[in-house]
Protein backbone atom coordinates (compact mmCIF):
# COMPACT_ATOMS: atom_id res chain seq x y z
CA UNK A 1 -31.76 46.38 2.19
CA UNK A 2 -34.14 45.77 -0.72
CA UNK A 3 -32.29 45.04 -4.00
CA UNK A 4 -33.84 44.83 -7.49
CA UNK A 5 -31.95 42.73 -10.06
CA UNK A 6 -32.96 43.03 -13.70
CA UNK A 7 -30.95 40.48 -15.69
CA UNK A 8 -32.39 37.15 -16.92
CA UNK A 9 -32.56 34.62 -14.08
CA UNK A 10 -29.74 32.42 -15.38
CA UNK A 11 -27.42 35.45 -15.37
CA UNK A 12 -28.15 36.54 -11.80
CA UNK A 13 -29.31 33.44 -9.88
CA UNK A 14 -25.99 33.18 -8.02
CA UNK A 15 -26.17 36.86 -7.09
CA UNK A 16 -29.73 36.47 -5.81
CA UNK A 17 -28.62 33.66 -3.49
CA UNK A 18 -25.52 35.61 -2.41
CA UNK A 19 -27.47 38.76 -1.54
CA UNK A 20 -30.14 36.75 0.27
CA UNK A 21 -27.44 34.98 2.30
CA UNK A 22 -26.21 38.42 3.38
CA UNK A 23 -29.68 39.19 4.72
CA UNK A 24 -30.98 41.39 1.90
CA UNK A 25 -34.42 41.23 0.32
CA UNK A 26 -34.04 40.56 -3.42
CA UNK A 27 -36.64 41.21 -6.12
CA UNK A 28 -36.15 40.00 -9.68
CA UNK A 29 -37.48 41.89 -12.70
CA UNK A 30 -36.06 40.44 -15.95
CA UNK A 31 -36.26 43.36 -18.39
CA UNK A 32 -35.05 41.59 -21.53
CA UNK A 33 -35.75 38.36 -23.37
CA UNK A 34 -32.82 36.75 -25.19
CA UNK A 35 -33.23 34.73 -28.39
CA UNK A 36 -30.90 32.99 -30.82
CA UNK A 37 -29.99 34.40 -34.23
CA UNK A 38 -29.08 31.86 -36.92
CA UNK A 39 -25.59 32.76 -38.11
CA UNK A 40 -25.19 29.86 -40.55
CA UNK A 41 -22.18 27.58 -40.97
CA UNK A 42 -18.82 28.91 -39.82
CA UNK A 43 -15.43 27.51 -40.81
CA UNK A 44 -13.57 27.93 -37.54
CA UNK A 45 -10.34 26.67 -39.07
CA UNK A 46 -10.03 30.12 -40.69
CA UNK A 47 -9.53 31.73 -37.27
CA UNK A 48 -6.86 31.77 -34.58
CA UNK A 49 -8.73 33.48 -31.76
CA UNK A 50 -12.27 34.05 -30.52
CA UNK A 51 -13.88 36.96 -28.64
CA UNK A 52 -16.99 37.00 -26.44
CA UNK A 53 -18.45 40.14 -24.86
CA UNK A 54 -21.39 38.28 -23.32
CA UNK A 55 -22.10 34.88 -21.82
CA UNK A 56 -25.16 34.80 -24.10
CA UNK A 57 -22.86 34.77 -27.12
CA UNK A 58 -21.44 31.48 -25.82
CA UNK A 59 -24.84 30.11 -24.81
CA UNK A 60 -26.20 30.49 -28.36
CA UNK A 61 -23.07 29.20 -30.12
CA UNK A 62 -22.65 25.57 -31.15
CA UNK A 63 -19.15 25.15 -29.74
CA UNK A 64 -18.64 21.53 -30.83
CA UNK A 65 -16.82 22.61 -34.00
CA UNK A 66 -14.63 25.15 -32.20
CA UNK A 67 -11.04 24.35 -31.24
CA UNK A 68 -11.13 24.69 -27.45
CA UNK A 69 -7.42 25.55 -27.49
CA UNK A 70 -8.22 28.79 -29.31
CA UNK A 71 -7.03 31.90 -27.51
CA UNK A 72 -10.38 32.99 -26.07
CA UNK A 73 -10.95 36.59 -24.96
CA UNK A 74 -13.84 37.30 -22.57
CA UNK A 75 -15.20 40.63 -21.33
CA UNK A 76 -15.59 39.56 -17.70
CA UNK A 77 -15.71 36.81 -15.10
CA UNK A 78 -19.26 35.65 -15.90
CA UNK A 79 -18.39 35.24 -19.58
CA UNK A 80 -15.08 33.60 -18.66
CA UNK A 81 -16.88 31.10 -16.41
CA UNK A 82 -19.29 30.23 -19.22
CA UNK A 83 -16.40 29.80 -21.69
CA UNK A 84 -14.51 27.49 -19.36
CA UNK A 85 -17.66 25.47 -18.64
CA UNK A 86 -18.00 24.74 -22.37
CA UNK A 87 -14.39 23.55 -22.62
CA UNK A 88 -12.30 26.57 -23.61
CA UNK A 89 -8.85 26.13 -22.08
CA UNK A 90 -6.92 29.26 -22.98
CA UNK A 91 -9.15 32.04 -21.64
CA UNK A 92 -8.21 35.66 -20.91
CA UNK A 93 -10.72 37.87 -19.07
CA UNK A 94 -10.93 41.67 -18.93
CA UNK A 95 -13.02 41.83 -15.75
CA UNK A 96 -16.09 43.42 -17.28
CA UNK A 97 -14.78 46.30 -19.40
CA UNK A 98 -14.70 46.29 -23.23
CA UNK A 99 -11.95 48.90 -23.39
CA UNK A 100 -9.81 46.74 -21.11
CA UNK A 101 -10.67 43.77 -23.30
CA UNK A 102 -9.35 45.64 -26.34
CA UNK A 103 -6.08 46.34 -24.51
CA UNK A 104 -5.74 42.67 -23.53
CA UNK A 105 -6.20 41.63 -27.14
CA UNK A 106 -3.55 44.12 -28.27
CA UNK A 107 -1.16 42.75 -25.63
CA UNK A 108 -1.78 39.04 -26.21
CA UNK A 109 -2.62 38.69 -29.91
CA UNK A 110 -0.67 40.40 -32.69
CA UNK A 111 -2.48 41.30 -35.89
CA UNK A 112 -0.05 39.05 -37.82
CA UNK A 113 -1.11 36.04 -35.71
CA UNK A 114 -4.22 35.44 -37.83
CA UNK A 115 -7.94 36.18 -37.99
CA UNK A 116 -10.19 36.80 -35.00
CA UNK A 117 -13.87 35.94 -34.79
CA UNK A 118 -16.10 37.96 -32.47
CA UNK A 119 -19.55 36.77 -31.31
CA UNK A 120 -22.02 39.28 -29.89
CA UNK A 121 -25.63 40.40 -29.71
CA UNK A 122 -27.23 42.86 -32.11
CA UNK A 123 -26.82 45.78 -29.73
CA UNK A 124 -23.35 46.56 -28.38
CA UNK A 125 -22.15 49.58 -26.42
CA UNK A 126 -18.71 49.74 -28.08
CA UNK A 127 -17.82 48.65 -31.63
CA UNK A 128 -14.91 46.48 -30.57
CA UNK A 129 -14.51 44.98 -34.04
CA UNK A 130 -14.23 48.40 -35.68
CA UNK A 131 -11.69 49.55 -33.11
CA UNK A 132 -9.56 46.45 -33.74
CA UNK A 133 -9.86 46.93 -37.50
CA UNK A 134 -8.33 50.40 -37.02
CA UNK A 135 -5.41 48.68 -35.27
CA UNK A 136 -4.82 46.50 -38.34
CA UNK A 137 -6.53 43.35 -37.13
CA UNK A 138 -8.40 40.92 -39.37
CA UNK A 139 -11.64 40.39 -37.43
CA UNK A 140 -15.13 39.20 -38.27
CA UNK A 141 -18.10 39.99 -36.05
CA UNK A 142 -20.93 37.45 -35.92
CA UNK A 143 -24.31 38.33 -34.37
CA UNK A 144 -25.74 35.16 -32.84
CA UNK A 145 -28.39 36.51 -30.46
CA UNK A 146 -30.75 39.44 -30.00
CA UNK A 147 -32.54 40.99 -27.06
CA UNK A 148 -36.19 42.02 -26.95
CA UNK A 149 -38.00 44.02 -24.31
CA UNK A 150 -39.94 41.94 -21.82
CA UNK A 151 -43.50 43.22 -21.43
CA UNK A 152 -44.98 40.23 -19.61
CA UNK A 153 -44.84 41.17 -15.91
CA UNK A 154 -46.73 39.55 -13.06
CA UNK A 155 -49.31 41.98 -11.65
CA UNK A 156 -48.92 40.64 -8.12
CA UNK A 157 -45.17 41.32 -8.34
CA UNK A 158 -45.85 44.89 -9.47
CA UNK A 159 -48.27 45.38 -6.58
CA UNK A 160 -45.65 44.19 -4.09
CA UNK A 161 -42.98 46.37 -5.69
CA UNK A 162 -45.17 49.45 -5.33
CA UNK A 163 -45.67 48.66 -1.64
CA UNK A 164 -41.92 48.44 -1.04
CA UNK A 165 -39.77 50.27 -3.58
CA UNK A 166 -36.19 48.88 -3.68
CA UNK A 167 -33.24 50.68 -2.10
CA UNK A 168 -30.97 49.66 -5.01
CA UNK A 169 -31.59 48.85 -8.69
CA UNK A 170 -28.94 47.33 -10.97
CA UNK A 171 -29.17 48.11 -14.73
CA UNK A 172 -26.76 46.39 -17.13
CA UNK A 173 -27.31 47.83 -20.62
CA UNK A 174 -28.87 50.61 -22.67
CA UNK A 175 -31.61 48.17 -23.71
CA UNK A 176 -32.35 47.34 -20.09
CA UNK A 177 -32.47 51.03 -19.18
CA UNK A 178 -34.97 51.73 -21.97
CA UNK A 179 -37.07 48.75 -20.92
CA UNK A 180 -37.00 49.82 -17.26
CA UNK A 181 -38.02 53.38 -18.16
CA UNK A 182 -40.95 51.96 -20.11
CA UNK A 183 -41.88 49.72 -17.16
CA UNK A 184 -41.81 52.73 -14.81
CA UNK A 185 -44.06 54.81 -17.05
CA UNK A 186 -46.58 52.06 -17.83
CA UNK A 187 -47.01 51.38 -14.13
CA UNK A 188 -47.06 55.08 -13.16
CA UNK A 189 -44.01 54.80 -10.92
CA UNK A 190 -42.24 57.96 -12.10
CA UNK A 191 -42.23 59.57 -8.62
CA UNK A 192 -41.41 56.46 -6.59
CA UNK A 193 -37.60 56.32 -6.76
CA UNK A 194 -36.36 59.34 -4.81
CA UNK A 195 -34.96 57.07 -2.08
CA UNK A 196 -33.51 54.52 -4.50
CA UNK A 197 -29.86 54.26 -5.59
CA UNK A 198 -29.52 53.50 -9.31
CA UNK A 199 -26.53 51.35 -10.32
CA UNK A 200 -25.73 51.56 -14.05
CA UNK A 201 -23.17 49.74 -16.16
CA UNK A 202 -22.07 53.00 -17.80
CA UNK A 203 -22.81 56.67 -18.33
CA UNK A 204 -24.82 56.11 -21.52
CA UNK A 205 -27.04 53.69 -19.64
CA UNK A 206 -27.63 56.10 -16.77
CA UNK A 207 -28.47 58.94 -19.17
CA UNK A 208 -31.53 57.04 -20.40
CA UNK A 209 -32.93 57.07 -16.86
CA UNK A 210 -31.98 60.64 -15.98
CA UNK A 211 -35.57 61.87 -16.28
CA UNK A 212 -36.43 59.86 -13.17
CA UNK A 213 -35.41 61.38 -9.84
CA UNK A 214 -33.06 59.02 -7.95
CA UNK A 215 -31.37 59.29 -4.59
CA UNK A 216 -27.96 58.76 -6.24
CA UNK A 217 -26.62 57.25 -9.47
CA UNK A 218 -23.51 55.06 -9.43
CA UNK A 219 -21.55 53.62 -12.37
CA UNK A 220 -20.10 50.13 -11.98
CA UNK A 221 -18.48 47.18 -13.73
CA UNK A 222 -19.87 43.63 -13.49
CA UNK A 223 -18.38 41.97 -10.41
CA UNK A 224 -18.68 45.08 -8.27
CA UNK A 225 -22.32 44.58 -7.26
CA UNK A 226 -21.64 43.31 -3.73
CA UNK A 227 -19.01 45.99 -3.13
CA UNK A 228 -21.57 48.68 -3.99
CA UNK A 229 -23.89 47.45 -1.25
CA UNK A 230 -21.35 48.71 1.29
CA UNK A 231 -20.59 51.92 -0.57
CA UNK A 232 -24.03 53.41 0.00
């Protein structure tokens, strides 16, 4: 099976090796470029808990000044792994779903316990901070990275892709979906995906790509990628 992965290499290198070890052909098309946003000095002593909805939020955070015993809430296993690798000891993971993450915070951190600090990118699918504010929490959201569309693609790669269109494509965000749609149109590939299964992180993401005709569209949570290979 030919699989197309679209996250930055550092976020999917393990998956590439895993899929290849299972005998699949894997192509890699990073749709987004990630860059740091300067968020200034932060007094972490004002906070009692920290939230990450992306491993990139940890990557672009100077964690030396952060108490690693903070209660640390992560959206999924990839983010949890990154948090633990930087020294966080008290980590709770929601297995890839922001709504589940909200419920875990409600269950494990009372609004009277103190302030929460939430690190994220500019674009988020769910306003977790606003939802927690409605629940009476004292929370501050800090944007410490942004994503830009990648428009620098190797022409030889595109030629090879046209010769063998993937059986499966994984798309992880609204931004990625928009970037992929742009890639398809620029390279005149609109009618090439009728035998391809599109895997999207959520319904909003899949809607962006609805104008392209796919074999089937599946919704998934991070961590389910290998399982979906056997679902088709």
